[in-house]
Amino acid sequence: MKLNLIGLLFGAAFGGVLAASNLHEYDTIHAMLRFDELDVYFFMGSAIAVSLPLLWLLEKRGVNTPFGGQLALSRSMPEKHHWQGGALFGVGWALAGTCPAPALVMLSSGALLSLVAIPGIFLGLRLRERQTSGSVAAGDGEHRESVSV
């Protein structure tokens, strides 16, 4: 219960940051993709610049996660399915002007596009499930376990 509350608070804060920076706006995303608004790239780059060294340091110190396990970052070489998935995600992002987290912010702000984008996200997840015959590979390919869905 405590972890759910923490997740809700961090999720709400993240949604607030997305809304404050207009990343839930269709026009903002398309201006970014046309390279008219570079601030979105700086926003994403600053998130990487802050989190990368912090996660490395936490892993090096052997910090335990809230779930009770030791923090272990995944390291794997990009494979064909990473490039294919990234390209498909990018096409969807360009067409819809959103991705999963901003789509939820769109919904909370009353944007009607969210009524198309959110079902589209779930449709994509369902098609992925059907493509893999009901099993989804856990993680990013480094861990070859399969979880039945």
N, C-alpha and C. Protein backbone atom coordinates (compact mmCIF):
# COMPACT_ATOMS: atom_id res chain seq x y z
N MET A 1 0.83 -1.20 0.00
CA MET A 1 0.00 0.00 0.00
C MET A 1 0.88 1.26 0.00
N LYS A 2 1.95 1.22 0.80
CA LYS A 2 2.84 2.38 0.87
C LYS A 2 3.51 2.64 -0.48
N LEU A 3 3.94 1.57 -1.17
CA LEU A 3 4.56 1.74 -2.49
C LEU A 3 3.57 2.29 -3.50
N ASN A 4 2.30 1.88 -3.41
CA ASN A 4 1.28 2.40 -4.32
C ASN A 4 1.10 3.90 -4.11
N LEU A 5 1.11 4.34 -2.86
CA LEU A 5 0.98 5.77 -2.56
C LEU A 5 2.18 6.54 -3.09
N ILE A 6 3.38 5.98 -2.89
CA ILE A 6 4.59 6.63 -3.41
C ILE A 6 4.53 6.71 -4.94
N GLY A 7 4.12 5.62 -5.58
CA GLY A 7 3.97 5.62 -7.03
C GLY A 7 2.96 6.63 -7.51
N LEU A 8 1.84 6.75 -6.81
CA LEU A 8 0.81 7.73 -7.16
C LEU A 8 1.36 9.15 -7.04
N LEU A 9 2.08 9.42 -5.97
CA LEU A 9 2.63 10.77 -5.77
C LEU A 9 3.67 11.12 -6.83
N PHE A 10 4.59 10.17 -7.11
CA PHE A 10 5.59 10.43 -8.15
C PHE A 10 4.94 10.54 -9.53
N GLY A 11 3.92 9.71 -9.80
CA GLY A 11 3.21 9.79 -11.07
C GLY A 11 2.49 11.12 -11.24
N ALA A 12 1.86 11.58 -10.18
CA ALA A 12 1.17 12.87 -10.23
C ALA A 12 2.17 14.01 -10.44
N ALA A 13 3.31 13.94 -9.76
CA ALA A 13 4.34 14.97 -9.93
C ALA A 13 4.88 14.95 -11.36
N PHE A 14 5.13 13.74 -11.89
CA PHE A 14 5.62 13.63 -13.26
C PHE A 14 4.58 14.18 -14.24
N GLY A 15 3.32 13.86 -14.03
CA GLY A 15 2.26 14.40 -14.88
C GLY A 15 2.20 15.92 -14.81
N GLY A 16 2.42 16.46 -13.61
CA GLY A 16 2.45 17.91 -13.45
C GLY A 16 3.59 18.56 -14.23
N VAL A 17 4.76 17.91 -14.19
CA VAL A 17 5.91 18.42 -14.95
C VAL A 17 5.61 18.37 -16.45
N LEU A 18 5.02 17.26 -16.91
CA LEU A 18 4.68 17.15 -18.34
C LEU A 18 3.68 18.22 -18.74
N ALA A 19 2.67 18.45 -17.89
CA ALA A 19 1.66 19.47 -18.21
C ALA A 19 2.26 20.87 -18.18
N ALA A 20 3.10 21.16 -17.18
CA ALA A 20 3.71 22.49 -17.06
C ALA A 20 4.62 22.80 -18.24
N SER A 21 5.24 21.76 -18.80
CA SER A 21 6.13 21.98 -19.94
C SER A 21 5.42 21.79 -21.28
N ASN A 22 4.11 21.64 -21.26
CA ASN A 22 3.27 21.49 -22.45
C ASN A 22 3.61 20.27 -23.29
N LEU A 23 4.17 19.24 -22.68
CA LEU A 23 4.51 18.04 -23.44
C LEU A 23 3.29 17.18 -23.74
N HIS A 24 2.15 17.57 -23.26
CA HIS A 24 0.91 16.87 -23.60
C HIS A 24 0.18 17.56 -24.75
N GLU A 25 0.76 18.61 -25.27
CA GLU A 25 0.15 19.37 -26.37
C GLU A 25 0.64 18.82 -27.71
N TYR A 26 -0.29 18.49 -28.57
CA TYR A 26 0.00 17.97 -29.91
C TYR A 26 0.95 18.90 -30.67
N ASP A 27 0.68 20.19 -30.62
CA ASP A 27 1.48 21.16 -31.37
C ASP A 27 2.92 21.24 -30.85
N THR A 28 3.11 21.08 -29.54
CA THR A 28 4.46 21.11 -28.96
C THR A 28 5.29 19.95 -29.49
N ILE A 29 4.70 18.76 -29.53
CA ILE A 29 5.43 17.58 -30.00
C ILE A 29 5.77 17.72 -31.49
N HIS A 30 4.82 18.18 -32.28
CA HIS A 30 5.10 18.33 -33.71
C HIS A 30 6.12 19.43 -33.98
N ALA A 31 6.11 20.49 -33.19
CA ALA A 31 7.13 21.53 -33.35
C ALA A 31 8.50 20.97 -32.98
N MET A 32 8.55 20.10 -31.98
CA MET A 32 9.81 19.46 -31.61
C MET A 32 10.29 18.57 -32.75
N LEU A 33 9.41 17.76 -33.30
CA LEU A 33 9.79 16.84 -34.37
C LEU A 33 10.21 17.56 -35.64
N ARG A 34 9.72 18.78 -35.83
CA ARG A 34 10.15 19.61 -36.97
C ARG A 34 11.40 20.42 -36.64
N PHE A 35 11.93 20.25 -35.42
CA PHE A 35 13.10 20.98 -34.91
C PHE A 35 12.82 22.47 -34.79
N ASP A 36 11.54 22.84 -34.62
CA ASP A 36 11.19 24.24 -34.37
C ASP A 36 11.32 24.60 -32.90
N GLU A 37 11.12 23.61 -32.02
CA GLU A 37 11.24 23.82 -30.57
C GLU A 37 12.24 22.82 -30.01
N LEU A 38 13.46 23.28 -29.80
CA LEU A 38 14.52 22.40 -29.31
C LEU A 38 14.48 22.23 -27.80
N ASP A 39 13.68 23.03 -27.09
CA ASP A 39 13.64 22.94 -25.63
C ASP A 39 13.16 21.57 -25.15
N VAL A 40 12.35 20.89 -25.94
CA VAL A 40 11.90 19.54 -25.55
C VAL A 40 13.09 18.59 -25.54
N TYR A 41 13.98 18.72 -26.51
CA TYR A 41 15.18 17.88 -26.53
C TYR A 41 16.07 18.20 -25.32
N PHE A 42 16.18 19.48 -24.97
CA PHE A 42 16.97 19.87 -23.79
C PHE A 42 16.33 19.31 -22.52
N PHE A 43 15.01 19.29 -22.47
CA PHE A 43 14.28 18.74 -21.32
C PHE A 43 14.61 17.26 -21.15
N MET A 44 14.53 16.49 -22.25
CA MET A 44 14.83 15.06 -22.19
C MET A 44 16.32 14.84 -21.90
N GLY A 45 17.17 15.64 -22.51
CA GLY A 45 18.61 15.51 -22.27
C GLY A 45 18.97 15.80 -20.82
N SER A 46 18.32 16.79 -20.22
CA SER A 46 18.62 17.10 -18.81
C SER A 46 18.17 15.97 -17.90
N ALA A 47 17.07 15.29 -18.24
CA ALA A 47 16.62 14.14 -17.45
C ALA A 47 17.66 13.03 -17.51
N ILE A 48 18.23 12.80 -18.68
CA ILE A 48 19.28 11.78 -18.84
C ILE A 48 20.55 12.21 -18.10
N ALA A 49 20.91 13.48 -18.23
CA ALA A 49 22.14 13.99 -17.61
C ALA A 49 22.08 13.91 -16.09
N VAL A 50 20.89 14.04 -15.51
CA VAL A 50 20.74 13.94 -14.06
C VAL A 50 20.64 12.49 -13.62
N SER A 51 19.82 11.70 -14.30
CA SER A 51 19.56 10.34 -13.83
C SER A 51 20.71 9.38 -14.09
N LEU A 52 21.42 9.52 -15.19
CA LEU A 52 22.49 8.57 -15.53
C LEU A 52 23.57 8.50 -14.45
N PRO A 53 24.18 9.62 -14.06
CA PRO A 53 25.20 9.50 -13.02
C PRO A 53 24.64 9.10 -11.66
N LEU A 54 23.41 9.54 -11.34
CA LEU A 54 22.81 9.16 -10.06
C LEU A 54 22.53 7.66 -10.00
N LEU A 55 21.97 7.11 -11.06
CA LEU A 55 21.72 5.66 -11.07
C LEU A 55 23.02 4.86 -11.03
N TRP A 56 24.03 5.33 -11.74
CA TRP A 56 25.34 4.66 -11.71
C TRP A 56 25.89 4.65 -10.30
N LEU A 57 25.82 5.81 -9.62
CA LEU A 57 26.33 5.93 -8.26
C LEU A 57 25.55 5.04 -7.29
N LEU A 58 24.23 5.04 -7.40
CA LEU A 58 23.40 4.21 -6.53
C LEU A 58 23.69 2.73 -6.74
N GLU A 59 23.88 2.32 -8.00
CA GLU A 59 24.20 0.92 -8.27
C GLU A 59 25.57 0.57 -7.70
N LYS A 60 26.53 1.45 -7.87
CA LYS A 60 27.88 1.20 -7.39
C LYS A 60 27.92 1.05 -5.87
N ARG A 61 27.07 1.80 -5.18
CA ARG A 61 27.02 1.74 -3.71
C ARG A 61 26.16 0.57 -3.21
N GLY A 62 25.52 -0.17 -4.11
CA GLY A 62 24.72 -1.33 -3.70
C GLY A 62 23.43 -0.97 -2.99
N VAL A 63 22.80 0.10 -3.41
CA VAL A 63 21.57 0.57 -2.78
C VAL A 63 20.43 -0.41 -3.08
N ASN A 64 19.59 -0.65 -2.08
CA ASN A 64 18.41 -1.49 -2.26
C ASN A 64 17.24 -0.65 -2.76
N THR A 65 16.44 -1.23 -3.62
CA THR A 65 15.26 -0.55 -4.16
C THR A 65 14.13 -0.63 -3.14
N PRO A 66 13.07 0.16 -3.32
CA PRO A 66 11.91 0.05 -2.42
C PRO A 66 11.25 -1.34 -2.48
N PHE A 67 11.54 -2.11 -3.51
CA PHE A 67 10.98 -3.45 -3.63
C PHE A 67 11.82 -4.49 -2.91
N GLY A 68 12.91 -4.08 -2.28
CA GLY A 68 13.71 -4.98 -1.48
C GLY A 68 14.89 -5.60 -2.17
N GLY A 69 15.05 -5.39 -3.46
CA GLY A 69 16.19 -5.96 -4.18
C GLY A 69 17.27 -4.93 -4.38
N GLN A 70 18.45 -5.39 -4.70
CA GLN A 70 19.56 -4.49 -4.96
C GLN A 70 19.42 -3.89 -6.36
N LEU A 71 19.70 -2.59 -6.48
CA LEU A 71 19.62 -1.91 -7.77
C LEU A 71 20.64 -2.51 -8.73
N ALA A 72 20.17 -3.00 -9.87
CA ALA A 72 21.04 -3.55 -10.90
C ALA A 72 20.55 -3.05 -12.25
N LEU A 73 21.33 -2.18 -12.87
CA LEU A 73 20.94 -1.61 -14.15
C LEU A 73 21.16 -2.62 -15.27
N SER A 74 20.28 -2.60 -16.23
CA SER A 74 20.36 -3.50 -17.38
C SER A 74 21.34 -2.95 -18.39
N ARG A 75 22.20 -3.81 -18.87
CA ARG A 75 23.16 -3.42 -19.90
C ARG A 75 23.10 -4.45 -21.02
N SER A 76 22.72 -4.00 -22.19
CA SER A 76 22.67 -4.91 -23.33
C SER A 76 22.96 -4.13 -24.60
N MET A 77 23.43 -4.84 -25.58
CA MET A 77 23.68 -4.23 -26.88
C MET A 77 22.37 -4.13 -27.65
N PRO A 78 22.18 -3.06 -28.40
CA PRO A 78 20.96 -2.95 -29.21
C PRO A 78 20.86 -4.10 -30.21
N GLU A 79 19.67 -4.66 -30.31
CA GLU A 79 19.41 -5.74 -31.26
C GLU A 79 18.35 -5.28 -32.25
N LYS A 80 18.10 -6.11 -33.25
CA LYS A 80 17.16 -5.77 -34.32
C LYS A 80 15.79 -5.37 -33.76
N HIS A 81 15.31 -6.13 -32.79
CA HIS A 81 13.97 -5.83 -32.27
C HIS A 81 13.92 -4.50 -31.52
N HIS A 82 15.05 -4.04 -30.97
CA HIS A 82 15.09 -2.72 -30.35
C HIS A 82 14.88 -1.63 -31.40
N TRP A 83 15.58 -1.76 -32.54
CA TRP A 83 15.46 -0.77 -33.61
C TRP A 83 14.06 -0.78 -34.21
N GLN A 84 13.49 -1.98 -34.40
CA GLN A 84 12.14 -2.09 -34.95
C GLN A 84 11.11 -1.47 -34.00
N GLY A 85 11.23 -1.81 -32.74
CA GLY A 85 10.30 -1.25 -31.75
C GLY A 85 10.44 0.25 -31.62
N GLY A 86 11.67 0.74 -31.64
CA GLY A 86 11.91 2.18 -31.57
C GLY A 86 11.34 2.91 -32.76
N ALA A 87 11.49 2.33 -33.95
CA ALA A 87 10.94 2.95 -35.16
C ALA A 87 9.41 2.99 -35.11
N LEU A 88 8.81 1.89 -34.69
CA LEU A 88 7.35 1.84 -34.59
C LEU A 88 6.84 2.83 -33.55
N PHE A 89 7.52 2.89 -32.41
CA PHE A 89 7.15 3.86 -31.37
C PHE A 89 7.26 5.28 -31.92
N GLY A 90 8.34 5.57 -32.64
CA GLY A 90 8.54 6.90 -33.20
C GLY A 90 7.48 7.29 -34.21
N VAL A 91 7.07 6.35 -35.05
CA VAL A 91 6.00 6.63 -36.02
C VAL A 91 4.70 6.93 -35.28
N GLY A 92 4.39 6.11 -34.28
CA GLY A 92 3.17 6.34 -33.50
C GLY A 92 3.22 7.67 -32.77
N TRP A 93 4.39 8.01 -32.23
CA TRP A 93 4.56 9.27 -31.54
C TRP A 93 4.36 10.44 -32.49
N ALA A 94 4.90 10.33 -33.70
CA ALA A 94 4.77 11.40 -34.68
C ALA A 94 3.32 11.57 -35.14
N LEU A 95 2.63 10.46 -35.36
CA LEU A 95 1.24 10.54 -35.82
C LEU A 95 0.30 11.05 -34.74
N ALA A 96 0.43 10.50 -33.53
CA ALA A 96 -0.48 10.88 -32.45
C ALA A 96 -0.04 12.14 -31.73
N GLY A 97 1.24 12.48 -31.82
CA GLY A 97 1.74 13.64 -31.11
C GLY A 97 1.84 13.40 -29.62
N THR A 98 1.89 12.13 -29.23
CA THR A 98 1.96 11.81 -27.80
C THR A 98 2.52 10.41 -27.61
N CYS A 99 2.89 10.11 -26.39
CA CYS A 99 3.29 8.76 -25.99
C CYS A 99 2.53 8.46 -24.69
N PRO A 100 2.70 7.30 -24.08
CA PRO A 100 1.80 6.91 -22.98
C PRO A 100 1.64 7.90 -21.84
N ALA A 101 2.71 8.40 -21.25
CA ALA A 101 2.54 9.31 -20.11
C ALA A 101 1.85 10.62 -20.50
N PRO A 102 2.30 11.32 -21.54
CA PRO A 102 1.59 12.53 -21.93
C PRO A 102 0.15 12.27 -22.38
N ALA A 103 -0.14 11.07 -22.90
CA ALA A 103 -1.53 10.76 -23.29
C ALA A 103 -2.44 10.80 -22.07
N LEU A 104 -1.95 10.33 -20.92
CA LEU A 104 -2.75 10.40 -19.70
C LEU A 104 -2.92 11.84 -19.23
N VAL A 105 -1.89 12.66 -19.42
CA VAL A 105 -1.99 14.08 -19.08
C VAL A 105 -2.99 14.75 -20.02
N MET A 106 -2.97 14.34 -21.30
CA MET A 106 -3.95 14.87 -22.26
C MET A 106 -5.37 14.57 -21.80
N LEU A 107 -5.59 13.33 -21.33
CA LEU A 107 -6.91 12.93 -20.85
C LEU A 107 -7.34 13.79 -19.67
N SER A 108 -6.43 14.00 -18.72
CA SER A 108 -6.78 14.79 -17.53
C SER A 108 -6.99 16.27 -17.86
N SER A 109 -6.41 16.73 -18.99
CA SER A 109 -6.60 18.13 -19.37
C SER A 109 -7.82 18.33 -20.27
N GLY A 110 -8.46 17.22 -20.64
CA GLY A 110 -9.67 17.32 -21.45
C GLY A 110 -9.44 17.30 -22.95
N ALA A 111 -8.23 16.99 -23.39
CA ALA A 111 -7.95 16.95 -24.82
C ALA A 111 -8.62 15.73 -25.45
N LEU A 112 -9.42 15.96 -26.47
CA LEU A 112 -10.17 14.88 -27.10
C LEU A 112 -9.27 13.88 -27.84
N LEU A 113 -8.08 14.31 -28.27
CA LEU A 113 -7.16 13.40 -28.94
C LEU A 113 -6.80 12.22 -28.05
N SER A 114 -6.84 12.42 -26.73
CA SER A 114 -6.52 11.32 -25.81
C SER A 114 -7.51 10.17 -25.95
N LEU A 115 -8.73 10.46 -26.38
CA LEU A 115 -9.74 9.41 -26.55
C LEU A 115 -9.42 8.51 -27.74
N VAL A 116 -8.51 8.94 -28.60
CA VAL A 116 -8.02 8.12 -29.70
C VAL A 116 -6.66 7.52 -29.34
N ALA A 117 -5.80 8.33 -28.73
CA ALA A 117 -4.43 7.90 -28.44
C ALA A 117 -4.38 6.78 -27.41
N ILE A 118 -5.13 6.89 -26.33
CA ILE A 118 -5.07 5.88 -25.27
C ILE A 118 -5.57 4.52 -25.76
N PRO A 119 -6.73 4.44 -26.43
CA PRO A 119 -7.11 3.13 -26.99
C PRO A 119 -6.08 2.62 -28.01
N GLY A 120 -5.45 3.54 -28.76
CA GLY A 120 -4.42 3.13 -29.70
C GLY A 120 -3.22 2.50 -29.01
N ILE A 121 -2.86 3.02 -27.85
CA ILE A 121 -1.77 2.45 -27.07
C ILE A 121 -2.12 1.03 -26.65
N PHE A 122 -3.34 0.84 -26.15
CA PHE A 122 -3.75 -0.50 -25.73
C PHE A 122 -3.90 -1.45 -26.91
N LEU A 123 -4.33 -0.92 -28.05
CA LEU A 123 -4.40 -1.75 -29.26
C LEU A 123 -3.00 -2.21 -29.66
N GLY A 124 -2.03 -1.31 -29.60
CA GLY A 124 -0.66 -1.68 -29.91
C GLY A 124 -0.12 -2.75 -28.96
N LEU A 125 -0.44 -2.62 -27.68
CA LEU A 125 -0.02 -3.64 -26.71
C LEU A 125 -0.67 -4.99 -27.02
N ARG A 126 -1.93 -4.96 -27.40
CA ARG A 126 -2.64 -6.20 -27.73
C ARG A 126 -2.07 -6.84 -29.00
N LEU A 127 -1.76 -6.03 -30.00
CA LEU A 127 -1.16 -6.57 -31.23
C LEU A 127 0.20 -7.16 -30.94
N ARG A 128 0.96 -6.54 -30.06
CA ARG A 128 2.28 -7.08 -29.67
C ARG A 128 2.10 -8.43 -28.98
N GLU A 129 1.10 -8.52 -28.13
CA GLU A 129 0.82 -9.77 -27.44
C GLU A 129 0.44 -10.87 -28.43
N ARG A 130 -0.39 -10.55 -29.40
CA ARG A 130 -0.78 -11.53 -30.41
C ARG A 130 0.40 -11.94 -31.28
N GLN A 131 1.27 -10.98 -31.60
CA GLN A 131 2.43 -11.25 -32.44
C GLN A 131 3.38 -12.23 -31.75
N THR A 132 3.47 -12.16 -30.44
CA THR A 132 4.37 -13.04 -29.70
C THR A 132 3.64 -14.27 -29.18
N SER A 133 2.46 -14.56 -29.70
CA SER A 133 1.67 -15.74 -29.36
C SER A 133 1.38 -15.86 -27.87
N GLY A 134 1.03 -14.75 -27.24
CA GLY A 134 0.58 -14.80 -25.85
C GLY A 134 1.69 -14.75 -24.81
N SER A 135 2.94 -14.69 -25.23
CA SER A 135 4.00 -14.54 -24.24
C SER A 135 4.81 -13.29 -24.58
N VAL A 136 5.19 -12.58 -23.56
CA VAL A 136 5.92 -11.35 -23.74
C VAL A 136 7.28 -11.53 -23.08
N ALA A 137 8.34 -11.19 -23.79
CA ALA A 137 9.68 -11.30 -23.20
C ALA A 137 9.83 -10.23 -22.13
N ALA A 138 10.28 -10.64 -20.97
CA ALA A 138 10.47 -9.70 -19.87
C ALA A 138 11.74 -8.90 -20.10
N GLY A 139 11.71 -7.62 -19.77
CA GLY A 139 12.90 -6.79 -19.87
C GLY A 139 13.19 -6.35 -21.29
N ASP A 140 14.44 -6.08 -21.54
CA ASP A 140 14.84 -5.55 -22.83
C ASP A 140 15.57 -6.57 -23.69
N GLY A 141 15.42 -7.84 -23.39
CA GLY A 141 16.07 -8.87 -24.17
C GLY A 141 17.29 -9.43 -23.48
N GLU A 142 17.78 -8.73 -22.47
CA GLU A 142 18.93 -9.23 -21.73
C GLU A 142 18.54 -10.44 -20.89
N HIS A 143 17.35 -10.39 -20.33
CA HIS A 143 16.84 -11.48 -19.52
C HIS A 143 15.85 -12.25 -20.38
N ARG A 144 16.14 -13.47 -20.70
CA ARG A 144 15.37 -14.23 -21.68
C ARG A 144 14.18 -14.98 -21.10
N GLU A 145 13.70 -14.58 -19.93
CA GLU A 145 12.54 -15.22 -19.35
C GLU A 145 11.30 -14.81 -20.15
N SER A 146 10.31 -15.65 -20.16
CA SER A 146 9.04 -15.28 -20.77
C SER A 146 7.96 -15.31 -19.72
N VAL A 147 7.08 -14.35 -19.79
CA VAL A 147 5.99 -14.27 -18.85
C VAL A 147 4.72 -14.48 -19.64
N SER A 148 3.91 -15.43 -19.25
CA SER A 148 2.66 -15.69 -19.94
C SER A 148 1.66 -14.61 -19.62
N VAL A 149 0.99 -14.09 -20.64
CA VAL A 149 0.03 -13.00 -20.45
C VAL A 149 -1.37 -13.53 -20.59
